[in-house]
Protein backbone atom coordinates (compact mmCIF):
# COMPACT_ATOMS: atom_id res chain seq x y z
CA UNK A 1 114.62 71.20 176.73
CA UNK A 2 116.91 72.25 179.56
CA UNK A 3 116.11 75.93 179.22
CA UNK A 4 117.57 78.71 177.12
CA UNK A 5 121.34 78.61 176.67
CA UNK A 6 123.51 81.54 177.74
CA UNK A 7 123.97 83.81 174.71
CA UNK A 8 127.43 83.98 173.20
CA UNK A 9 129.37 87.23 173.15
CA UNK A 10 128.76 87.42 169.41
CA UNK A 11 125.01 87.02 169.84
CA UNK A 12 124.92 89.81 172.43
CA UNK A 13 126.96 92.02 170.11
CA UNK A 14 124.54 91.37 167.23
CA UNK A 15 121.54 92.15 169.44
CA UNK A 16 123.16 95.35 170.68
CA UNK A 17 123.93 96.46 167.13
CA UNK A 18 120.30 95.82 166.19
CA UNK A 19 119.22 98.28 168.89
CA UNK A 20 122.04 100.73 168.03
CA UNK A 21 123.61 100.26 171.47
CA UNK A 22 127.27 101.21 171.75
CA UNK A 23 128.85 98.55 173.97
CA UNK A 24 132.52 97.97 174.61
CA UNK A 25 133.86 94.42 174.66
CA UNK A 26 133.95 94.64 178.46
CA UNK A 27 130.29 95.73 178.45
CA UNK A 28 129.33 92.74 176.35
CA UNK A 29 131.07 90.37 178.77
CA UNK A 30 129.34 92.04 181.71
CA UNK A 31 125.90 91.69 180.12
CA UNK A 32 126.60 88.03 179.44
CA UNK A 33 127.28 87.49 183.14
CA UNK A 34 124.18 89.48 184.09
CA UNK A 35 122.04 87.17 181.97
CA UNK A 36 123.14 84.02 183.81
CA UNK A 37 120.34 84.16 186.39
CA UNK A 38 117.72 84.86 183.73
CA UNK A 39 118.78 81.78 181.77
CA UNK A 40 118.71 79.67 184.93
CA UNK A 41 115.10 80.74 185.40
CA UNK A 42 114.23 79.33 181.98
CA UNK A 43 115.68 75.97 183.08
CA UNK A 44 113.44 76.01 186.15
CA UNK A 45 110.43 76.85 183.96
CA UNK A 46 111.17 73.79 181.81
CA UNK A 47 111.06 71.57 184.90
CA UNK A 48 107.65 72.82 186.11
CA UNK A 49 104.58 71.32 184.37
CA UNK A 50 102.35 73.74 182.46
CA UNK A 51 98.63 74.13 182.94
CA UNK A 52 96.85 72.71 179.90
CA UNK A 53 93.11 72.38 179.30
CA UNK A 54 91.88 68.82 179.70
CA UNK A 55 91.34 66.73 176.58
CA UNK A 56 88.16 64.94 177.64
CA UNK A 57 87.14 62.65 174.78
CA UNK A 58 89.10 59.78 173.12
CA UNK A 59 89.99 60.01 169.46
CA UNK A 60 92.24 58.74 166.68
CA UNK A 61 94.30 61.01 164.37
CA UNK A 62 91.96 60.50 161.42
CA UNK A 63 93.06 60.57 157.77
CA UNK A 64 93.52 62.79 154.75
CA UNK A 65 90.50 62.36 152.47
CA UNK A 66 91.01 61.35 148.86
CA UNK A 67 90.09 63.68 145.98
CA UNK A 68 87.09 61.46 145.24
CA UNK A 69 85.88 61.84 148.83
CA UNK A 70 86.67 65.56 148.85
CA UNK A 71 85.63 66.94 145.43
CA UNK A 72 85.40 70.58 146.55
CA UNK A 73 88.56 70.53 148.70
CA UNK A 74 86.40 71.35 151.71
CA UNK A 75 88.29 69.05 154.10
CA UNK A 76 91.88 68.97 155.29
CA UNK A 77 91.44 65.99 157.61
CA UNK A 78 88.58 63.65 158.44
CA UNK A 79 88.16 62.10 161.87
CA UNK A 80 85.44 60.81 164.21
CA UNK A 81 85.32 62.09 167.77
CA UNK A 82 82.16 61.31 169.68
CA UNK A 83 81.07 63.66 172.44
CA UNK A 84 78.80 63.32 175.44
CA UNK A 85 75.85 60.90 175.32
CA UNK A 86 73.32 63.75 175.41
CA UNK A 87 73.05 67.46 174.77
CA UNK A 88 71.77 70.09 172.34
CA UNK A 89 74.11 68.81 169.59
CA UNK A 90 73.43 65.10 170.05
CA UNK A 91 73.02 63.50 166.64
CA UNK A 92 74.86 66.30 164.81
CA UNK A 93 78.13 65.89 162.94
CA UNK A 94 80.27 69.03 163.13
CA UNK A 95 83.23 70.20 161.05
CA UNK A 96 85.90 72.37 162.67
CA UNK A 97 87.90 75.03 160.84
CA UNK A 98 91.54 74.02 160.55
CA UNK A 99 92.57 77.05 162.59
CA UNK A 100 90.94 75.65 165.74
CA UNK A 101 92.93 73.04 167.64
CA UNK A 102 91.65 69.47 167.88
CA UNK A 103 94.09 67.45 169.99
CA UNK A 104 95.73 64.59 168.11
CA UNK A 105 94.44 65.67 164.69
CA UNK A 106 96.93 67.40 162.32
CA UNK A 107 96.44 71.13 161.72
CA UNK A 108 98.07 73.38 159.11
CA UNK A 109 95.82 76.50 158.97
CA UNK A 110 95.94 76.25 155.18
CA UNK A 111 99.69 76.92 155.16
CA UNK A 112 102.91 75.04 154.53
CA UNK A 113 104.31 77.13 157.38
CA UNK A 114 102.37 75.01 159.89
CA UNK A 115 102.26 71.72 158.00
CA UNK A 116 103.11 68.73 160.21
CA UNK A 117 101.87 70.29 163.45
CA UNK A 118 99.62 68.17 165.67
CA UNK A 119 97.90 70.04 168.54
CA UNK A 120 97.90 68.61 172.05
CA UNK A 121 94.86 70.57 173.27
CA UNK A 122 91.28 71.13 172.16
CA UNK A 123 90.05 74.65 171.49
CA UNK A 124 87.40 75.65 174.02
CA UNK A 125 84.71 75.58 171.32
CA UNK A 126 85.76 72.02 170.42
CA UNK A 127 85.32 70.90 174.03
CA UNK A 128 81.94 72.63 174.19
CA UNK A 129 80.74 70.96 170.98
CA UNK A 130 81.68 67.57 172.41
CA UNK A 131 80.21 68.38 175.82
CA UNK A 132 76.94 69.23 174.03
CA UNK A 133 76.82 65.77 172.44
CA UNK A 134 78.18 66.69 169.01
CA UNK A 135 80.44 64.44 166.93
CA UNK A 136 83.45 66.10 165.31
CA UNK A 137 84.02 64.58 161.88
CA UNK A 138 86.93 66.58 160.51
CA UNK A 139 88.99 69.73 160.03
CA UNK A 140 87.84 71.98 157.20
CA UNK A 141 90.26 73.61 154.79
CA UNK A 142 91.08 77.28 155.16
CA UNK A 143 92.93 79.99 153.30
CA UNK A 144 96.70 80.13 153.71
CA UNK A 145 97.31 81.50 157.23
CA UNK A 146 93.56 82.35 157.27
CA UNK A 147 94.52 85.61 155.59
CA UNK A 148 92.37 85.87 152.47
CA UNK A 149 88.72 86.14 151.57
CA UNK A 150 89.21 84.76 148.09
CA UNK A 151 89.00 81.00 148.54
CA UNK A 152 91.94 80.11 146.30
CA UNK A 153 95.09 80.70 148.42
CA UNK A 154 95.16 77.51 150.54
CA UNK A 155 98.34 75.50 150.22
CA UNK A 156 96.04 72.53 149.52
CA UNK A 157 94.58 74.27 146.47
CA UNK A 158 91.42 76.30 145.82
CA UNK A 159 88.24 75.53 147.74
CA UNK A 160 85.25 75.34 145.39
CA UNK A 161 81.61 76.36 145.58
CA UNK A 162 79.71 73.06 145.38
CA UNK A 163 76.98 74.67 143.29
CA UNK A 164 79.51 75.99 140.76
CA UNK A 165 82.98 74.40 141.23
CA UNK A 166 84.64 76.76 138.74
CA UNK A 167 84.25 79.49 141.35
CA UNK A 168 86.04 79.90 144.73
CA UNK A 169 84.19 79.30 147.98
CA UNK A 170 85.57 82.44 149.61
CA UNK A 171 87.58 82.67 152.77
CA UNK A 172 89.13 82.38 154.96
CA UNK A 173 86.73 79.70 156.25
CA UNK A 174 85.93 78.39 152.77
CA UNK A 175 86.17 74.72 153.69
CA UNK A 176 83.50 75.02 156.36
CA UNK A 177 81.14 76.79 153.94
CA UNK A 178 81.77 74.27 151.16
CA UNK A 179 81.31 71.29 153.50
CA UNK A 180 77.90 72.55 154.58
CA UNK A 181 76.84 73.54 151.06
CA UNK A 182 77.87 70.10 149.78
CA UNK A 183 75.72 68.42 152.42
CA UNK A 184 78.65 66.73 154.15
CA UNK A 185 77.60 68.23 157.51
CA UNK A 186 74.97 70.64 158.78
CA UNK A 187 77.25 72.50 161.18
CA UNK A 188 80.78 73.86 161.09
CA UNK A 189 82.86 76.45 162.93
CA UNK A 190 84.60 79.49 161.49
CA UNK A 191 86.81 82.41 162.43
CA UNK A 192 86.24 86.03 161.44
CA UNK A 193 88.70 88.93 161.60
CA UNK A 194 87.59 90.72 158.43
CA UNK A 195 84.57 88.73 157.28
CA UNK A 196 85.94 85.20 157.14
CA UNK A 197 82.74 83.56 158.41
CA UNK A 198 80.33 85.69 156.42
CA UNK A 199 82.19 85.92 153.10
CA UNK A 200 82.40 82.17 152.33
CA UNK A 201 78.94 81.58 153.79
CA UNK A 202 77.57 84.17 151.38
CA UNK A 203 79.40 82.72 148.40
CA UNK A 204 78.33 79.14 149.14
CA UNK A 205 74.72 79.89 150.05
CA UNK A 206 74.73 78.96 153.74
CA UNK A 207 74.25 80.82 157.03
CA UNK A 208 77.27 82.30 158.81
CA UNK A 209 77.16 84.24 162.08
CA UNK A 210 79.92 86.44 163.50
CA UNK A 211 78.88 86.80 167.14
CA UNK A 212 79.26 89.87 169.29
CA UNK A 213 82.95 90.28 170.12
CA UNK A 214 83.72 88.21 173.20
CA UNK A 215 80.56 86.10 173.19
CA UNK A 216 82.32 82.94 171.98
CA UNK A 217 85.77 82.12 173.41
CA UNK A 218 88.75 82.09 171.05
CA UNK A 219 90.99 79.93 173.26
CA UNK A 220 92.88 77.29 171.31
CA UNK A 221 92.54 78.92 167.90
CA UNK A 222 95.24 80.51 165.74
CA UNK A 223 95.15 84.19 166.63
CA UNK A 224 95.56 87.09 164.19
CA UNK A 225 94.87 90.21 166.29
CA UNK A 226 93.25 89.93 169.70
CA UNK A 227 91.04 92.96 169.09
CA UNK A 228 89.63 91.50 165.85
CA UNK A 229 89.43 87.75 166.59
CA UNK A 230 85.93 86.21 166.46
CA UNK A 231 84.75 82.60 166.18
CA UNK A 232 81.23 81.49 165.35
CA UNK A 233 78.88 79.00 163.67
CA UNK A 234 78.40 78.27 159.97
CA UNK A 235 75.38 76.08 159.24
CA UNK A 236 72.76 74.98 156.75
CA UNK A 237 69.91 76.82 158.49
CA UNK A 238 69.44 79.66 160.93
CA UNK A 239 67.95 77.18 163.40
CA UNK A 240 71.11 75.08 163.39
CA UNK A 241 73.18 78.26 163.65
CA UNK A 242 71.25 79.17 166.81
CA UNK A 243 71.71 75.62 168.09
CA UNK A 244 75.48 75.60 167.59
CA UNK A 245 75.85 79.12 169.01
CA UNK A 246 73.96 78.03 172.12
CA UNK A 247 76.52 75.25 172.61
CA UNK A 248 79.70 77.30 172.17
CA UNK A 249 78.82 80.74 173.63
CA UNK A 250 79.71 81.83 177.13
CA UNK A 251 82.57 82.87 179.42
CA UNK A 252 85.96 81.16 179.36
CA UNK A 253 88.46 82.42 181.98
CA UNK A 254 91.30 81.47 179.63
CA UNK A 255 90.26 84.00 176.96
CA UNK A 256 91.21 87.60 177.79
CA UNK A 257 88.94 88.92 175.01
CA UNK A 258 85.97 88.14 177.24
CA UNK A 259 87.33 89.60 180.45
CA UNK A 260 85.30 92.63 181.47
CA UNK A 261 83.38 92.42 178.18
CA UNK A 262 80.82 89.64 178.35
CA UNK A 263 77.90 90.70 180.58
CA UNK A 264 76.72 88.53 183.45
CA UNK A 265 73.22 88.41 181.99
CA UNK A 266 74.33 87.42 178.46
CA UNK A 267 71.88 85.25 176.52
CA UNK A 268 73.00 81.61 176.49
CA UNK A 269 70.06 80.01 174.64
CA UNK A 270 69.44 81.26 171.10
CA UNK A 271 66.76 78.77 170.07
CA UNK A 272 63.91 81.16 171.08
CA UNK A 273 64.91 83.30 168.06
CA UNK A 274 63.52 80.64 165.73
CA UNK A 275 59.98 81.19 164.54
CA UNK A 276 59.63 84.46 166.44
CA UNK A 277 58.94 86.46 163.29
CA UNK A 278 59.71 90.10 162.57
CA UNK A 279 56.45 91.86 163.36
CA UNK A 280 57.33 95.21 164.91
CA UNK A 281 61.07 94.80 164.21
CA UNK A 282 62.72 97.94 162.84
CA UNK A 283 65.21 97.27 160.03
CA UNK A 284 67.50 99.95 158.62
CA UNK A 285 68.68 99.59 155.03
CA UNK A 286 72.22 100.99 155.07
CA UNK A 287 72.57 103.57 152.31
CA UNK A 288 76.37 103.23 152.19
CA UNK A 289 76.20 99.42 151.94
CA UNK A 290 74.30 99.51 148.64
CA UNK A 291 75.09 100.93 145.19
CA UNK A 292 78.77 101.33 146.04
CA UNK A 293 81.14 102.91 143.56
CA UNK A 294 84.51 101.30 142.92
CA UNK A 295 87.06 102.05 145.64
CA UNK A 296 90.18 102.48 143.53
CA UNK A 297 92.46 103.10 146.52
CA UNK A 298 91.49 99.78 148.16
CA UNK A 299 90.78 97.77 145.00
CA UNK A 300 87.09 97.16 145.81
CA UNK A 301 84.82 96.70 142.76
CA UNK A 302 81.58 98.62 142.33
CA UNK A 303 78.33 97.02 143.45
CA UNK A 304 76.52 94.71 141.04
CA UNK A 305 72.94 95.99 140.65
CA UNK A 306 71.62 92.41 140.68
CA UNK A 307 73.06 91.89 144.19
CA UNK A 308 71.37 95.04 145.48
CA UNK A 309 68.11 93.91 143.87
CA UNK A 310 68.20 90.46 145.49
CA UNK A 311 68.89 91.92 148.93
CA UNK A 312 66.16 94.54 148.62
CA UNK A 313 63.66 91.88 147.49
CA UNK A 314 64.37 89.90 150.67
CA UNK A 315 63.91 93.01 152.81
CA UNK A 316 60.61 93.77 151.07
CA UNK A 317 59.45 90.30 152.11
CA UNK A 318 60.21 91.14 155.74
CA UNK A 319 58.16 94.30 155.37
CA UNK A 320 55.25 92.14 154.19
CA UNK A 321 55.60 90.08 157.37
CA UNK A 322 55.32 93.09 159.66
CA UNK A 323 58.83 94.58 159.87
CA UNK A 324 59.32 98.31 159.54
CA UNK A 325 61.95 98.84 156.84
CA UNK A 326 63.54 102.24 156.16
CA UNK A 327 66.79 103.67 154.84
CA UNK A 328 69.48 104.69 157.32
CA UNK A 329 72.90 106.23 156.87
CA UNK A 330 76.26 105.68 158.58
CA UNK A 331 78.77 107.79 156.59
CA UNK A 332 81.66 106.35 158.61
CA UNK A 333 80.84 102.93 157.12
CA UNK A 334 82.90 104.03 154.12
CA UNK A 335 85.83 104.90 156.39
CA UNK A 336 85.63 101.52 158.14
CA UNK A 337 87.96 99.64 155.76
CA UNK A 338 90.65 102.27 156.31
CA UNK A 339 90.32 101.91 160.09
CA UNK A 340 90.48 98.13 159.67
CA UNK A 341 93.66 98.53 157.60
CA UNK A 342 95.21 100.50 160.44
CA UNK A 343 94.56 97.59 162.82
CA UNK A 344 94.56 94.60 160.48
CA UNK A 345 97.97 95.16 158.90
CA UNK A 346 100.32 96.33 161.63
CA UNK A 347 98.58 94.32 164.36
CA UNK A 348 98.92 90.89 162.71
CA UNK A 349 102.46 91.69 161.55
CA UNK A 350 103.52 92.16 165.17
CA UNK A 351 101.17 89.71 166.87
CA UNK A 352 100.58 86.87 164.40
CA UNK A 353 103.83 86.75 162.43
CA UNK A 354 106.50 88.28 164.70
CA UNK A 355 104.66 87.22 167.87
CA UNK A 356 104.03 83.65 166.64
CA UNK A 357 100.27 84.16 166.95
CA UNK A 358 100.53 84.75 170.71
CA UNK A 359 102.29 88.02 171.48
CA UNK A 360 102.66 89.03 175.13
CA UNK A 361 101.03 91.11 177.88
CA UNK A 362 97.82 89.17 178.35
CA UNK A 363 96.67 86.62 180.90
CA UNK A 364 95.06 83.38 179.77
CA UNK A 365 96.14 80.16 178.05
CA UNK A 366 99.24 80.31 175.86
CA UNK A 367 99.40 77.34 173.51
CA UNK A 368 103.15 76.77 173.70
CA UNK A 369 103.25 73.85 171.27
CA UNK A 370 101.57 76.00 168.61
CA UNK A 371 103.82 78.94 169.47
CA UNK A 372 106.93 76.75 169.10
CA UNK A 373 105.75 75.32 165.77
CA UNK A 374 104.97 78.74 164.34
CA UNK A 375 108.23 80.24 165.61
CA UNK A 376 110.39 77.52 164.11
CA UNK A 377 108.54 77.46 160.83
CA UNK A 378 108.26 81.21 160.36
CA UNK A 379 112.05 81.33 160.69
CA UNK A 380 112.69 78.52 158.22
CA UNK A 381 109.75 78.76 155.81
CA UNK A 382 108.94 82.46 155.49
CA UNK A 383 109.19 82.10 151.72
CA UNK A 384 106.18 79.81 151.87
CA UNK A 385 103.97 82.56 153.30
CA UNK A 386 101.13 83.58 150.96
CA UNK A 387 101.12 86.93 149.16
CA UNK A 388 98.62 88.52 151.62
CA UNK A 389 100.73 87.48 154.62
CA UNK A 390 103.93 88.76 152.98
CA UNK A 391 102.22 92.09 152.29
CA UNK A 392 101.08 92.29 155.91
CA UNK A 393 104.59 91.48 157.14
CA UNK A 394 106.29 94.05 154.89
CA UNK A 395 103.74 96.85 155.29
CA UNK A 396 103.33 96.21 159.01
CA UNK A 397 107.08 96.15 159.62
CA UNK A 398 107.45 99.37 157.63
CA UNK A 399 104.75 101.17 159.61
CA UNK A 400 106.20 100.00 162.91
CA UNK A 401 109.80 100.83 162.06
CA UNK A 402 109.23 104.25 160.57
CA UNK A 403 106.03 105.41 162.29
CA UNK A 404 106.41 103.60 165.65
CA UNK A 405 102.90 102.13 165.80
CA UNK A 406 101.21 105.51 165.31
CA UNK A 407 98.63 104.30 162.78
CA UNK A 408 97.73 101.17 164.68
CA UNK A 409 97.15 103.33 167.74
CA UNK A 410 95.14 105.92 165.82
CA UNK A 411 92.95 103.22 164.27
CA UNK A 412 92.33 101.65 167.69
CA UNK A 413 91.21 105.04 168.95
CA UNK A 414 89.05 105.65 165.88
CA UNK A 415 87.24 102.32 166.35
CA UNK A 416 85.36 103.99 169.20
CA UNK A 417 84.05 106.60 166.77
CA UNK A 418 83.02 103.95 164.24
CA UNK A 419 81.23 101.98 166.96
CA UNK A 420 79.43 105.11 168.15
CA UNK A 421 78.32 105.90 164.59
CA UNK A 422 76.51 102.56 164.31
CA UNK A 423 75.20 102.76 167.87
CA UNK A 424 73.60 106.10 167.08
CA UNK A 425 71.57 104.47 164.29
CA UNK A 426 70.74 101.54 166.56
CA UNK A 427 68.80 104.00 168.73
CA UNK A 428 66.18 104.03 165.96
CA UNK A 429 66.41 100.54 164.43
CA UNK A 430 66.96 97.00 165.67
CA UNK A 431 68.84 95.71 162.61
CA UNK A 432 71.04 97.29 159.94
CA UNK A 433 70.94 95.44 156.59
CA UNK A 434 73.21 95.41 153.55
CA UNK A 435 74.69 92.96 151.00
CA UNK A 436 77.34 90.73 152.52
CA UNK A 437 79.42 90.97 149.33
CA UNK A 438 78.35 93.74 146.94
CA UNK A 439 79.21 91.83 143.74
CA UNK A 440 78.80 88.40 142.15
CA UNK A 441 81.59 85.88 142.78
CA UNK A 442 84.20 85.78 139.96
CA UNK A 443 85.81 82.51 138.75
CA UNK A 444 88.91 80.97 140.34
CA UNK A 445 91.88 82.90 138.91
CA UNK A 446 94.53 81.11 136.81
CA UNK A 447 97.77 80.03 138.46
CA UNK A 448 99.79 82.63 136.53
CA UNK A 449 97.66 85.62 137.56
CA UNK A 450 99.87 88.70 138.21
CA UNK A 451 100.69 89.33 141.86
CA UNK A 452 98.71 92.57 142.01
CA UNK A 453 95.58 90.90 140.61
CA UNK A 454 96.05 87.90 142.93
CA UNK A 455 96.14 90.22 145.93
CA UNK A 456 93.11 92.16 144.72
CA UNK A 457 91.04 88.99 144.28
CA UNK A 458 92.10 87.78 147.74
CA UNK A 459 90.67 90.79 149.60
CA UNK A 460 88.42 92.82 147.29
CA UNK A 461 85.17 91.53 148.81
CA UNK A 462 85.51 92.94 152.35
CA UNK A 463 83.96 96.39 151.78
CA UNK A 464 80.92 95.65 153.98
CA UNK A 465 82.30 93.12 156.47
CA UNK A 466 85.44 94.53 158.10
CA UNK A 467 83.58 97.27 159.94
CA UNK A 468 81.84 94.90 162.34
CA UNK A 469 85.03 93.07 163.23
CA UNK A 470 86.33 96.48 164.30
CA UNK A 471 83.18 97.47 166.23
CA UNK A 472 82.31 93.99 167.51
CA UNK A 473 78.62 94.16 166.55
CA UNK A 474 76.99 90.78 165.79
CA UNK A 475 76.50 90.17 162.06
CA UNK A 476 74.95 87.27 160.16
CA UNK A 477 74.73 86.42 156.47
CA UNK A 478 71.76 84.52 155.13
CA UNK A 479 71.24 83.52 151.46
CA UNK A 480 68.65 85.66 149.71
CA UNK A 481 68.88 84.81 146.02
CA UNK A 482 70.91 83.71 143.03
CA UNK A 483 72.79 85.69 140.37
CA UNK A 484 74.26 83.72 137.47
CA UNK A 485 73.46 80.60 139.54
CA UNK A 486 75.73 81.89 142.32
CA UNK A 487 74.41 82.61 145.84
CA UNK A 488 73.88 86.15 147.09
CA UNK A 489 74.03 86.86 150.83
CA UNK A 490 72.14 89.45 152.87
CA UNK A 491 73.96 90.66 155.99
CA UNK A 492 72.05 91.67 159.12
CA UNK A 493 73.87 93.54 161.90
CA UNK A 494 72.59 94.08 165.43
CA UNK A 495 73.33 95.80 168.70
CA UNK A 496 76.04 94.38 170.95
CA UNK A 497 74.86 91.25 172.77
CA UNK A 498 71.62 91.15 170.76
CA UNK A 499 72.66 88.12 168.71
CA UNK A 500 69.23 86.64 169.36
CA UNK A 501 67.57 89.53 167.50
CA UNK A 502 69.97 89.08 164.57
CA UNK A 503 69.12 85.37 164.42
CA UNK A 504 65.42 86.21 164.69
CA UNK A 505 65.59 88.46 161.62
CA UNK A 506 67.73 85.99 159.67
CA UNK A 507 65.27 83.20 160.42
CA UNK A 508 62.47 85.33 159.01
CA UNK A 509 64.48 86.00 155.82
CA UNK A 510 65.12 82.29 155.44
CA UNK A 511 61.45 81.40 155.87
CA UNK A 512 60.02 84.25 153.80
CA UNK A 513 60.81 82.61 150.45
CA UNK A 514 62.93 79.94 148.77
CA UNK A 515 66.13 81.87 148.19
CA UNK A 516 67.10 79.63 145.28
CA UNK A 517 63.95 80.69 143.46
CA UNK A 518 64.25 84.41 144.29
């Protein structure tokens, strides 16, 4: 490109009308002349090379797996990228969510809107996996625009629970969960803005950890809202989760989420959590996370008693191994989804969709090739957006236009109150426990399901998970039983930067009994 072209008089007039500016014809001509220098600056910017993170390891583009090779639709692309000759991940194959850039390997983020895009950079977590000796073996399928927890909205079709393929793997990181549950790999990465690591991990019967906000860098991943974005590990065991987290955690100067947030003395090695046991650990059973009534206003179903029973049985086992287990209460937990709605609707509408997943006013690495691809395709293929993304766009635009960002701002202010409510309980306990998803996974819906039901099934499972994306507390799901031969997940939440304690408790749950026999 040679830079931005000087706008025509008609374009300036259309822009002015959009802002309700009353300009005479002479005014329009004057503004055109005034823009000449600005447009010349864009030409200079095109001539100067950009900073881009180094792509350190050779690779080929890979291939689209056949249906026979990919029976659960877990994979979007398969590849083989070998990392360093040694490191904590040496000998491990790793899958990467198809919302995290892998240079040279196609990426579509589950959506026709991005189909055909090939990144030219590696996400920071991808570089760290390779630096730690891991081998990246593919991109895992995700929900359309990573904006559903259902597991059936991907443009490539529904992602299936390997144990019961008639049921959806959950989302948005369903492919990563299904790939691990199927035994294709032991480690994968995921993203979590409302529960998208923990929800599919729970449904597929694997371990999924949403780290403390800012612990793992988000650089090079498709962003939704910078105050909600998390990335983390999804693995077959808690030990492998600790191993992968140890490889990818730590400061990245290119990620503004970490600036002024990640402490200098943060824990970088999470392997000591394994085998530590729970003797003396204080675990709070969250009253509001169990026995939930249906939330008619948000479309959340009531709790299934069998789910509560499976989770309580696992916690009783921890008590037998020396943990102190007692009921705790955080009444604001039930307000959390409303606060998340205030952030998670208007924020992504402005940042992800209108801002081409980059927005402005932050310092770090802007992935211009991804920004360009999203900008072009959002303009030409908006009709291909999934129902959840269309709802976000319409509702977010409405709230911004008629209420001027008031409810996004209020929710951002109220997140401090929600955080403080949990922190108050953390003065007395080390862990807060609850079901990851309060009900048993329903079957994949038919293609002709009404729009309202489709939307409900895409987001009705987030009643216990959105809160900790808002507050930034670390939260892990670990399988704790079966209901109708479908996995049930127990979620354990910890204090900020105490991810090691969360992993410690999860490891004890995992080792206390065979969850498939519970």
